[in-house]
Amino acid sequence: MKSRPLGRRPALALWLLVAVADLALVVSAVGAVTALSVLAALVIVGTVVWLTRGQARVARVAPPGRTRHRLSHRGV
């Protein structure tokens, strides 16, 4: 009988099912309002970090048409 290699789709689906069950247990243990508050805070922090990194990426790129070209050393 052959065994499946690790990392195949059925194994991933099983682990996702386990993660959802764990999340349901955590929500039932701490309360729905607390879990939703933590989730909302994580989404807000993630969005702020994503937007900040995007702004830093835009700031590094020189705008087109604003670069100056030096004249050659021949006096032209």
C-alpha atoms as a PDB file:
ATOM      1  CA  MET A   1       0.000   0.000   0.000  1.00  0.00           C
ATOM      2  CA  LYS A   2       1.397   3.358  -1.013  1.00  0.00           C
ATOM      3  CA  SER A   3       1.486   6.239   1.388  1.00  0.00           C
ATOM      4  CA  ARG A   4       0.963   9.817   0.217  1.00  0.00           C
ATOM      5  CA  PRO A   5       3.793  12.294   0.426  1.00  0.00           C
ATOM      6  CA  LEU A   6       3.350  15.109   2.903  1.00  0.00           C
ATOM      7  CA  GLY A   7       2.044  18.454   1.684  1.00  0.00           C
ATOM      8  CA  ARG A   8      -0.676  17.174  -0.619  1.00  0.00           C
ATOM      9  CA  ARG A   9      -4.093  18.840  -0.808  1.00  0.00           C
ATOM     10  CA  PRO A  10      -6.001  16.399   1.453  1.00  0.00           C
ATOM     11  CA  ALA A  11      -3.491  16.947   4.245  1.00  0.00           C
ATOM     12  CA  LEU A  12      -3.747  20.716   3.808  1.00  0.00           C
ATOM     13  CA  ALA A  13      -7.540  20.550   3.909  1.00  0.00           C
ATOM     14  CA  LEU A  14      -7.360  18.506   7.094  1.00  0.00           C
ATOM     15  CA  TRP A  15      -5.089  21.048   8.764  1.00  0.00           C
ATOM     16  CA  LEU A  16      -7.374  23.884   7.674  1.00  0.00           C
ATOM     17  CA  LEU A  17     -10.306  22.029   9.213  1.00  0.00           C
ATOM     18  CA  VAL A  18      -8.330  21.612  12.447  1.00  0.00           C
ATOM     19  CA  ALA A  19      -7.477  25.337  12.414  1.00  0.00           C
ATOM     20  CA  VAL A  20     -11.147  26.285  12.012  1.00  0.00           C
ATOM     21  CA  ALA A  21     -12.094  23.972  14.868  1.00  0.00           C
ATOM     22  CA  ASP A  22      -9.376  25.513  17.056  1.00  0.00           C
ATOM     23  CA  LEU A  23     -10.653  28.977  16.203  1.00  0.00           C
ATOM     24  CA  ALA A  24     -14.185  27.934  17.171  1.00  0.00           C
ATOM     25  CA  LEU A  25     -12.902  26.610  20.508  1.00  0.00           C
ATOM     26  CA  VAL A  26     -11.008  29.845  21.202  1.00  0.00           C
ATOM     27  CA  VAL A  27     -14.066  31.963  20.355  1.00  0.00           C
ATOM     28  CA  SER A  28     -16.262  29.879  22.619  1.00  0.00           C
ATOM     29  CA  ALA A  29     -13.708  30.083  25.443  1.00  0.00           C
ATOM     30  CA  VAL A  30     -13.032  33.842  25.400  1.00  0.00           C
ATOM     31  CA  GLY A  31     -16.329  35.082  24.020  1.00  0.00           C
ATOM     32  CA  ALA A  32     -17.372  36.279  20.601  1.00  0.00           C
ATOM     33  CA  VAL A  33     -16.983  39.997  21.367  1.00  0.00           C
ATOM     34  CA  THR A  34     -13.427  39.561  22.597  1.00  0.00           C
ATOM     35  CA  ALA A  35     -12.452  37.395  19.644  1.00  0.00           C
ATOM     36  CA  LEU A  36     -13.988  39.832  17.140  1.00  0.00           C
ATOM     37  CA  SER A  37     -12.243  42.760  18.862  1.00  0.00           C
ATOM     38  CA  VAL A  38      -8.871  41.033  18.586  1.00  0.00           C
ATOM     39  CA  LEU A  39      -9.564  40.134  14.963  1.00  0.00           C
ATOM     40  CA  ALA A  40     -10.564  43.725  14.140  1.00  0.00           C
ATOM     41  CA  ALA A  41      -7.411  45.054  15.819  1.00  0.00           C
ATOM     42  CA  LEU A  42      -5.253  42.657  13.794  1.00  0.00           C
ATOM     43  CA  VAL A  43      -6.952  43.720  10.562  1.00  0.00           C
ATOM     44  CA  ILE A  44      -6.429  47.405  11.370  1.00  0.00           C
ATOM     45  CA  VAL A  45      -2.766  46.914  12.270  1.00  0.00           C
ATOM     46  CA  GLY A  46      -2.189  44.838   9.150  1.00  0.00           C
ATOM     47  CA  THR A  47      -3.828  47.480   6.961  1.00  0.00           C
ATOM     48  CA  VAL A  48      -1.740  50.260   8.496  1.00  0.00           C
ATOM     49  CA  VAL A  49       1.467  48.288   7.964  1.00  0.00           C
ATOM     50  CA  TRP A  50       0.478  47.462   4.371  1.00  0.00           C
ATOM     51  CA  LEU A  51      -0.322  51.098   3.588  1.00  0.00           C
ATOM     52  CA  THR A  52       2.866  52.341   5.255  1.00  0.00           C
ATOM     53  CA  ARG A  53       5.008  49.942   3.228  1.00  0.00           C
ATOM     54  CA  GLY A  54       3.192  51.032   0.061  1.00  0.00           C
ATOM     55  CA  GLN A  55       3.887  54.704   0.782  1.00  0.00           C
ATOM     56  CA  ALA A  56       7.565  53.965   1.425  1.00  0.00           C
ATOM     57  CA  ARG A  57       7.765  52.113  -1.891  1.00  0.00           C
ATOM     58  CA  VAL A  58       6.175  55.043  -3.750  1.00  0.00           C
ATOM     59  CA  ALA A  59       8.526  57.558  -2.096  1.00  0.00           C
ATOM     60  CA  ARG A  60      11.613  55.708  -3.352  1.00  0.00           C
ATOM     61  CA  VAL A  61      10.641  55.953  -7.013  1.00  0.00           C
ATOM     62  CA  ALA A  62      11.685  59.215  -8.709  1.00  0.00           C
ATOM     63  CA  PRO A  63       8.821  60.931 -10.498  1.00  0.00           C
ATOM     64  CA  PRO A  64       9.190  60.915 -14.287  1.00  0.00           C
ATOM     65  CA  GLY A  65      10.302  64.117 -15.977  1.00  0.00           C
ATOM     66  CA  ARG A  66      12.003  65.586 -12.951  1.00  0.00           C
ATOM     67  CA  THR A  67      15.497  64.307 -13.531  1.00  0.00           C
ATOM     68  CA  ARG A  68      18.164  66.697 -14.782  1.00  0.00           C
ATOM     69  CA  HIS A  69      20.776  65.699 -17.282  1.00  0.00           C
ATOM     70  CA  ARG A  70      24.263  67.099 -16.871  1.00  0.00           C
ATOM     71  CA  LEU A  71      25.959  68.768 -19.754  1.00  0.00           C
ATOM     72  CA  SER A  72      28.974  67.054 -21.170  1.00  0.00           C
ATOM     73  CA  HIS A  73      32.448  68.133 -20.054  1.00  0.00           C
ATOM     74  CA  ARG A  74      33.296  69.512 -23.488  1.00  0.00           C
ATOM     75  CA  GLY A  75      31.504  72.761 -22.787  1.00  0.00           C
ATOM     76  CA  VAL A  76      28.557  72.069 -25.053  1.00  0.00           C
END
